[in-house]
Amino acid sequence: MHRWPAIVMAACLLAACGDSRPKPTPLTQRQHDSVIGATKLPGATGVRGAMRLADSQTARNTRLDSASRP
């Protein structure tokens, strides 16, 4: 009968000892590609080139959109 308070207390202490570290946020696709492009892995140059092309296209589309607005 005297063991129950000790068992309950131990269970509560163990339950309170959870992982308190915040979980890292997952990377976006752009961040993931940027990390790969920064390495010396085969194909990293192609990833960097594709990102540069996508940035260029985005900038071009932004210019065209702003020029067409009154």
PDB file of N, CA and C in Angstrom:
ATOM      1  N   MET A   1       0.798  -1.171   0.000  1.00  0.00           N
ATOM      2  CA  MET A   1       0.000   0.000   0.000  1.00  0.00           C
ATOM      3  C   MET A   1       0.863   1.267   0.000  1.00  0.00           C
ATOM      4  N   HIS A   2       2.019   1.219   0.599  1.00  0.00           N
ATOM      5  CA  HIS A   2       2.881   2.392   0.665  1.00  0.00           C
ATOM      6  C   HIS A   2       3.642   2.593  -0.631  1.00  0.00           C
ATOM      7  N   ARG A   3       3.594   1.650  -1.529  1.00  0.00           N
ATOM      8  CA  ARG A   3       4.333   1.772  -2.786  1.00  0.00           C
ATOM      9  C   ARG A   3       3.596   2.645  -3.792  1.00  0.00           C
ATOM     10  N   TRP A   4       2.277   2.718  -3.718  1.00  0.00           N
ATOM     11  CA  TRP A   4       1.518   3.444  -4.723  1.00  0.00           C
ATOM     12  C   TRP A   4       1.904   4.914  -4.826  1.00  0.00           C
ATOM     13  N   PRO A   5       2.062   5.640  -3.747  1.00  0.00           N
ATOM     14  CA  PRO A   5       2.489   7.049  -3.892  1.00  0.00           C
ATOM     15  C   PRO A   5       3.860   7.161  -4.558  1.00  0.00           C
ATOM     16  N   ALA A   6       4.761   6.251  -4.226  1.00  0.00           N
ATOM     17  CA  ALA A   6       6.090   6.284  -4.840  1.00  0.00           C
ATOM     18  C   ALA A   6       6.004   5.956  -6.325  1.00  0.00           C
ATOM     19  N   ILE A   7       5.159   5.007  -6.687  1.00  0.00           N
ATOM     20  CA  ILE A   7       5.008   4.627  -8.094  1.00  0.00           C
ATOM     21  C   ILE A   7       4.375   5.770  -8.883  1.00  0.00           C
ATOM     22  N   VAL A   8       3.362   6.391  -8.317  1.00  0.00           N
ATOM     23  CA  VAL A   8       2.702   7.519  -8.983  1.00  0.00           C
ATOM     24  C   VAL A   8       3.675   8.680  -9.134  1.00  0.00           C
ATOM     25  N   MET A   9       4.447   8.952  -8.112  1.00  0.00           N
ATOM     26  CA  MET A   9       5.427  10.039  -8.165  1.00  0.00           C
ATOM     27  C   MET A   9       6.490   9.752  -9.225  1.00  0.00           C
ATOM     28  N   ALA A  10       6.983   8.539  -9.284  1.00  0.00           N
ATOM     29  CA  ALA A  10       7.981   8.162 -10.285  1.00  0.00           C
ATOM     30  C   ALA A  10       7.408   8.282 -11.695  1.00  0.00           C
ATOM     31  N   ALA A  11       6.163   7.868 -11.883  1.00  0.00           N
ATOM     32  CA  ALA A  11       5.526   7.971 -13.194  1.00  0.00           C
ATOM     33  C   ALA A  11       5.385   9.432 -13.614  1.00  0.00           C
ATOM     34  N   CYS A  12       5.010  10.285 -12.674  1.00  0.00           N
ATOM     35  CA  CYS A  12       4.881  11.711 -12.979  1.00  0.00           C
ATOM     36  C   CYS A  12       6.228  12.326 -13.337  1.00  0.00           C
ATOM     37  N   LEU A  13       7.255  11.967 -12.611  1.00  0.00           N
ATOM     38  CA  LEU A  13       8.590  12.500 -12.900  1.00  0.00           C
ATOM     39  C   LEU A  13       9.090  12.044 -14.259  1.00  0.00           C
ATOM     40  N   LEU A  14       8.858  10.776 -14.584  1.00  0.00           N
ATOM     41  CA  LEU A  14       9.286  10.274 -15.884  1.00  0.00           C
ATOM     42  C   LEU A  14       8.500  10.925 -17.021  1.00  0.00           C
ATOM     43  N   ALA A  15       7.237  11.182 -16.796  1.00  0.00           N
ATOM     44  CA  ALA A  15       6.418  11.821 -17.832  1.00  0.00           C
ATOM     45  C   ALA A  15       6.859  13.272 -18.056  1.00  0.00           C
ATOM     46  N   ALA A  16       7.350  13.915 -17.014  1.00  0.00           N
ATOM     47  CA  ALA A  16       7.779  15.305 -17.126  1.00  0.00           C
ATOM     48  C   ALA A  16       9.144  15.440 -17.786  1.00  0.00           C
ATOM     49  N   CYS A  17       9.862  14.350 -17.945  1.00  0.00           N
ATOM     50  CA  CYS A  17      11.208  14.398 -18.512  1.00  0.00           C
ATOM     51  C   CYS A  17      11.176  14.224 -20.028  1.00  0.00           C
ATOM     52  N   GLY A  18      10.234  14.856 -20.691  1.00  0.00           N
ATOM     53  CA  GLY A  18      10.141  14.760 -22.143  1.00  0.00           C
ATOM     54  C   GLY A  18      11.221  15.587 -22.822  1.00  0.00           C
ATOM     55  N   ASP A  19      11.268  15.468 -24.120  1.00  0.00           N
ATOM     56  CA  ASP A  19      12.240  16.214 -24.913  1.00  0.00           C
ATOM     57  C   ASP A  19      11.778  17.661 -25.007  1.00  0.00           C
ATOM     58  N   SER A  20      12.520  18.566 -24.407  1.00  0.00           N
ATOM     59  CA  SER A  20      12.112  19.969 -24.378  1.00  0.00           C
ATOM     60  C   SER A  20      12.778  20.785 -25.481  1.00  0.00           C
ATOM     61  N   ARG A  21      13.623  20.165 -26.295  1.00  0.00           N
ATOM     62  CA  ARG A  21      14.271  20.896 -27.374  1.00  0.00           C
ATOM     63  C   ARG A  21      13.260  21.176 -28.483  1.00  0.00           C
ATOM     64  N   PRO A  22      13.285  22.370 -29.039  1.00  0.00           N
ATOM     65  CA  PRO A  22      12.353  22.651 -30.144  1.00  0.00           C
ATOM     66  C   PRO A  22      12.774  21.872 -31.393  1.00  0.00           C
ATOM     67  N   LYS A  23      11.803  21.414 -32.130  1.00  0.00           N
ATOM     68  CA  LYS A  23      12.098  20.671 -33.338  1.00  0.00           C
ATOM     69  C   LYS A  23      12.493  21.642 -34.440  1.00  0.00           C
ATOM     70  N   PRO A  24      13.515  21.292 -35.219  1.00  0.00           N
ATOM     71  CA  PRO A  24      13.925  22.202 -36.296  1.00  0.00           C
ATOM     72  C   PRO A  24      12.842  22.275 -37.376  1.00  0.00           C
ATOM     73  N   THR A  25      12.706  23.448 -37.951  1.00  0.00           N
ATOM     74  CA  THR A  25      11.721  23.598 -39.017  1.00  0.00           C
ATOM     75  C   THR A  25      12.281  22.970 -40.296  1.00  0.00           C
ATOM     76  N   PRO A  26      11.444  22.322 -41.067  1.00  0.00           N
ATOM     77  CA  PRO A  26      11.931  21.714 -42.303  1.00  0.00           C
ATOM     78  C   PRO A  26      12.345  22.791 -43.307  1.00  0.00           C
ATOM     79  N   LEU A  27      13.300  22.454 -44.151  1.00  0.00           N
ATOM     80  CA  LEU A  27      13.789  23.388 -45.158  1.00  0.00           C
ATOM     81  C   LEU A  27      12.784  23.513 -46.296  1.00  0.00           C
ATOM     82  N   THR A  28      12.718  24.714 -46.868  1.00  0.00           N
ATOM     83  CA  THR A  28      11.917  24.884 -48.071  1.00  0.00           C
ATOM     84  C   THR A  28      12.691  24.268 -49.236  1.00  0.00           C
ATOM     85  N   GLN A  29      12.032  24.112 -50.372  1.00  0.00           N
ATOM     86  CA  GLN A  29      12.710  23.531 -51.536  1.00  0.00           C
ATOM     87  C   GLN A  29      13.868  24.413 -51.982  1.00  0.00           C
ATOM     88  N   ARG A  30      13.683  25.718 -51.922  1.00  0.00           N
ATOM     89  CA  ARG A  30      14.756  26.638 -52.323  1.00  0.00           C
ATOM     90  C   ARG A  30      15.958  26.525 -51.386  1.00  0.00           C
ATOM     91  N   GLN A  31      15.700  26.438 -50.083  1.00  0.00           N
ATOM     92  CA  GLN A  31      16.799  26.290 -49.126  1.00  0.00           C
ATOM     93  C   GLN A  31      17.523  24.968 -49.348  1.00  0.00           C
ATOM     94  N   HIS A  32      16.763  23.927 -49.615  1.00  0.00           N
ATOM     95  CA  HIS A  32      17.353  22.614 -49.862  1.00  0.00           C
ATOM     96  C   HIS A  32      18.237  22.659 -51.113  1.00  0.00           C
ATOM     97  N   ASP A  33      17.735  23.263 -52.180  1.00  0.00           N
ATOM     98  CA  ASP A  33      18.515  23.373 -53.410  1.00  0.00           C
ATOM     99  C   ASP A  33      19.747  24.243 -53.208  1.00  0.00           C
ATOM    100  N   SER A  34      19.608  25.273 -52.387  1.00  0.00           N
ATOM    101  CA  SER A  34      20.736  26.156 -52.124  1.00  0.00           C
ATOM    102  C   SER A  34      21.848  25.420 -51.389  1.00  0.00           C
ATOM    103  N   VAL A  35      21.464  24.574 -50.442  1.00  0.00           N
ATOM    104  CA  VAL A  35      22.459  23.780 -49.709  1.00  0.00           C
ATOM    105  C   VAL A  35      23.165  22.825 -50.665  1.00  0.00           C
ATOM    106  N   ILE A  36      22.412  22.177 -51.531  1.00  0.00           N
ATOM    107  CA  ILE A  36      23.014  21.251 -52.495  1.00  0.00           C
ATOM    108  C   ILE A  36      23.914  22.003 -53.461  1.00  0.00           C
ATOM    109  N   GLY A  37      23.458  23.179 -53.915  1.00  0.00           N
ATOM    110  CA  GLY A  37      24.258  23.963 -54.852  1.00  0.00           C
ATOM    111  C   GLY A  37      25.565  24.455 -54.255  1.00  0.00           C
ATOM    112  N   ALA A  38      25.619  24.598 -52.950  1.00  0.00           N
ATOM    113  CA  ALA A  38      26.836  25.088 -52.292  1.00  0.00           C
ATOM    114  C   ALA A  38      27.866  23.988 -52.082  1.00  0.00           C
ATOM    115  N   THR A  39      27.506  22.744 -52.322  1.00  0.00           N
ATOM    116  CA  THR A  39      28.438  21.644 -52.110  1.00  0.00           C
ATOM    117  C   THR A  39      29.238  21.371 -53.374  1.00  0.00           C
ATOM    118  N   LYS A  40      30.138  20.422 -53.281  1.00  0.00           N
ATOM    119  CA  LYS A  40      30.930  20.007 -54.439  1.00  0.00           C
ATOM    120  C   LYS A  40      30.446  18.679 -54.986  1.00  0.00           C
ATOM    121  N   LEU A  41      29.175  18.385 -54.716  1.00  0.00           N
ATOM    122  CA  LEU A  41      28.592  17.155 -55.226  1.00  0.00           C
ATOM    123  C   LEU A  41      28.449  17.227 -56.744  1.00  0.00           C
ATOM    124  N   PRO A  42      28.479  16.070 -57.396  1.00  0.00           N
ATOM    125  CA  PRO A  42      28.221  16.096 -58.842  1.00  0.00           C
ATOM    126  C   PRO A  42      26.815  16.620 -59.107  1.00  0.00           C
ATOM    127  N   GLY A  43      26.702  17.541 -60.036  1.00  0.00           N
ATOM    128  CA  GLY A  43      25.409  18.120 -60.363  1.00  0.00           C
ATOM    129  C   GLY A  43      25.102  19.399 -59.613  1.00  0.00           C
ATOM    130  N   ALA A  44      25.951  19.768 -58.672  1.00  0.00           N
ATOM    131  CA  ALA A  44      25.704  20.991 -57.893  1.00  0.00           C
ATOM    132  C   ALA A  44      25.766  22.223 -58.783  1.00  0.00           C
ATOM    133  N   THR A  45      26.611  22.189 -59.806  1.00  0.00           N
ATOM    134  CA  THR A  45      26.694  23.326 -60.722  1.00  0.00           C
ATOM    135  C   THR A  45      25.387  23.488 -61.489  1.00  0.00           C
ATOM    136  N   GLY A  46      24.796  22.379 -61.861  1.00  0.00           N
ATOM    137  CA  GLY A  46      23.509  22.433 -62.547  1.00  0.00           C
ATOM    138  C   GLY A  46      22.418  22.992 -61.654  1.00  0.00           C
ATOM    139  N   VAL A  47      22.456  22.655 -60.384  1.00  0.00           N
ATOM    140  CA  VAL A  47      21.470  23.179 -59.437  1.00  0.00           C
ATOM    141  C   VAL A  47      21.649  24.684 -59.296  1.00  0.00           C
ATOM    142  N   ARG A  48      22.898  25.125 -59.181  1.00  0.00           N
ATOM    143  CA  ARG A  48      23.165  26.566 -59.085  1.00  0.00           C
ATOM    144  C   ARG A  48      22.696  27.284 -60.344  1.00  0.00           C
ATOM    145  N   GLY A  49      22.954  26.701 -61.504  1.00  0.00           N
ATOM    146  CA  GLY A  49      22.521  27.308 -62.767  1.00  0.00           C
ATOM    147  C   GLY A  49      21.003  27.390 -62.859  1.00  0.00           C
ATOM    148  N   ALA A  50      20.331  26.332 -62.442  1.00  0.00           N
ATOM    149  CA  ALA A  50      18.865  26.332 -62.477  1.00  0.00           C
ATOM    150  C   ALA A  50      18.302  27.381 -61.526  1.00  0.00           C
ATOM    151  N   MET A  51      18.917  27.535 -60.370  1.00  0.00           N
ATOM    152  CA  MET A  51      18.452  28.553 -59.427  1.00  0.00           C
ATOM    153  C   MET A  51      18.690  29.959 -59.983  1.00  0.00           C
ATOM    154  N   ARG A  52      19.821  30.147 -60.637  1.00  0.00           N
ATOM    155  CA  ARG A  52      20.119  31.444 -61.235  1.00  0.00           C
ATOM    156  C   ARG A  52      19.098  31.766 -62.341  1.00  0.00           C
ATOM    157  N   LEU A  53      18.775  30.752 -63.156  1.00  0.00           N
ATOM    158  CA  LEU A  53      17.791  30.937 -64.213  1.00  0.00           C
ATOM    159  C   LEU A  53      16.407  31.244 -63.631  1.00  0.00           C
ATOM    160  N   ALA A  54      16.026  30.549 -62.585  1.00  0.00           N
ATOM    161  CA  ALA A  54      14.728  30.799 -61.952  1.00  0.00           C
ATOM    162  C   ALA A  54      14.676  32.213 -61.369  1.00  0.00           C
ATOM    163  N   ASP A  55      15.775  32.659 -60.762  1.00  0.00           N
ATOM    164  CA  ASP A  55      15.824  34.026 -60.222  1.00  0.00           C
ATOM    165  C   ASP A  55      15.702  35.048 -61.346  1.00  0.00           C
ATOM    166  N   SER A  56      16.371  34.778 -62.469  1.00  0.00           N
ATOM    167  CA  SER A  56      16.311  35.677 -63.614  1.00  0.00           C
ATOM    168  C   SER A  56      14.897  35.753 -64.176  1.00  0.00           C
ATOM    169  N   GLN A  57      14.245  34.612 -64.284  1.00  0.00           N
ATOM    170  CA  GLN A  57      12.875  34.590 -64.790  1.00  0.00           C
ATOM    171  C   GLN A  57      11.916  35.306 -63.836  1.00  0.00           C
ATOM    172  N   THR A  58      12.117  35.126 -62.550  1.00  0.00           N
ATOM    173  CA  THR A  58      11.272  35.807 -61.565  1.00  0.00           C
ATOM    174  C   THR A  58      11.451  37.318 -61.652  1.00  0.00           C
ATOM    175  N   ALA A  59      12.688  37.765 -61.784  1.00  0.00           N
ATOM    176  CA  ALA A  59      12.951  39.199 -61.908  1.00  0.00           C
ATOM    177  C   ALA A  59      12.338  39.749 -63.191  1.00  0.00           C
ATOM    178  N   ARG A  60      12.439  38.996 -64.280  1.00  0.00           N
ATOM    179  CA  ARG A  60      11.862  39.427 -65.563  1.00  0.00           C
ATOM    180  C   ARG A  60      10.345  39.520 -65.443  1.00  0.00           C
ATOM    181  N   ASN A  61       9.727  38.507 -64.862  1.00  0.00           N
ATOM    182  CA  ASN A  61       8.276  38.538 -64.709  1.00  0.00           C
ATOM    183  C   ASN A  61       7.821  39.687 -63.820  1.00  0.00           C
ATOM    184  N   THR A  62       8.585  39.992 -62.790  1.00  0.00           N
ATOM    185  CA  THR A  62       8.265  41.121 -61.920  1.00  0.00           C
ATOM    186  C   THR A  62       8.332  42.432 -62.679  1.00  0.00           C
ATOM    187  N   ARG A  63       9.369  42.572 -63.514  1.00  0.00           N
ATOM    188  CA  ARG A  63       9.491  43.799 -64.329  1.00  0.00           C
ATOM    189  C   ARG A  63       8.324  43.922 -65.295  1.00  0.00           C
ATOM    190  N   LEU A  64       7.967  42.823 -65.957  1.00  0.00           N
ATOM    191  CA  LEU A  64       6.858  42.858 -66.908  1.00  0.00           C
ATOM    192  C   LEU A  64       5.530  43.151 -66.222  1.00  0.00           C
ATOM    193  N   ASP A  65       5.331  42.566 -65.041  1.00  0.00           N
ATOM    194  CA  ASP A  65       4.094  42.820 -64.309  1.00  0.00           C
ATOM    195  C   ASP A  65       3.987  44.276 -63.879  1.00  0.00           C
ATOM    196  N   SER A  66       5.105  44.837 -63.415  1.00  0.00           N
ATOM    197  CA  SER A  66       5.062  46.218 -62.946  1.00  0.00           C
ATOM    198  C   SER A  66       4.931  47.184 -64.123  1.00  0.00           C
ATOM    199  N   ALA A  67       5.434  46.815 -65.304  1.00  0.00           N
ATOM    200  CA  ALA A  67       5.318  47.686 -66.476  1.00  0.00           C
ATOM    201  C   ALA A  67       3.896  47.679 -67.024  1.00  0.00           C
ATOM    202  N   SER A  68       3.171  46.591 -66.848  1.00  0.00           N
ATOM    203  CA  SER A  68       1.820  46.505 -67.396  1.00  0.00           C
ATOM    204  C   SER A  68       0.770  47.119 -66.475  1.00  0.00           C
ATOM    205  N   ARG A  69       1.132  47.439 -65.247  1.00  0.00           N
ATOM    206  CA  ARG A  69       0.180  48.065 -64.324  1.00  0.00           C
ATOM    207  C   ARG A  69       0.120  49.556 -64.586  1.00  0.00           C
ATOM    208  N   PRO A  70      -1.093  50.119 -64.550  1.00  0.00           N
ATOM    209  CA  PRO A  70      -1.202  51.581 -64.796  1.00  0.00           C
ATOM    210  C   PRO A  70      -0.725  52.409 -63.622  1.00  0.00           C
TER     211      PRO A  70
END
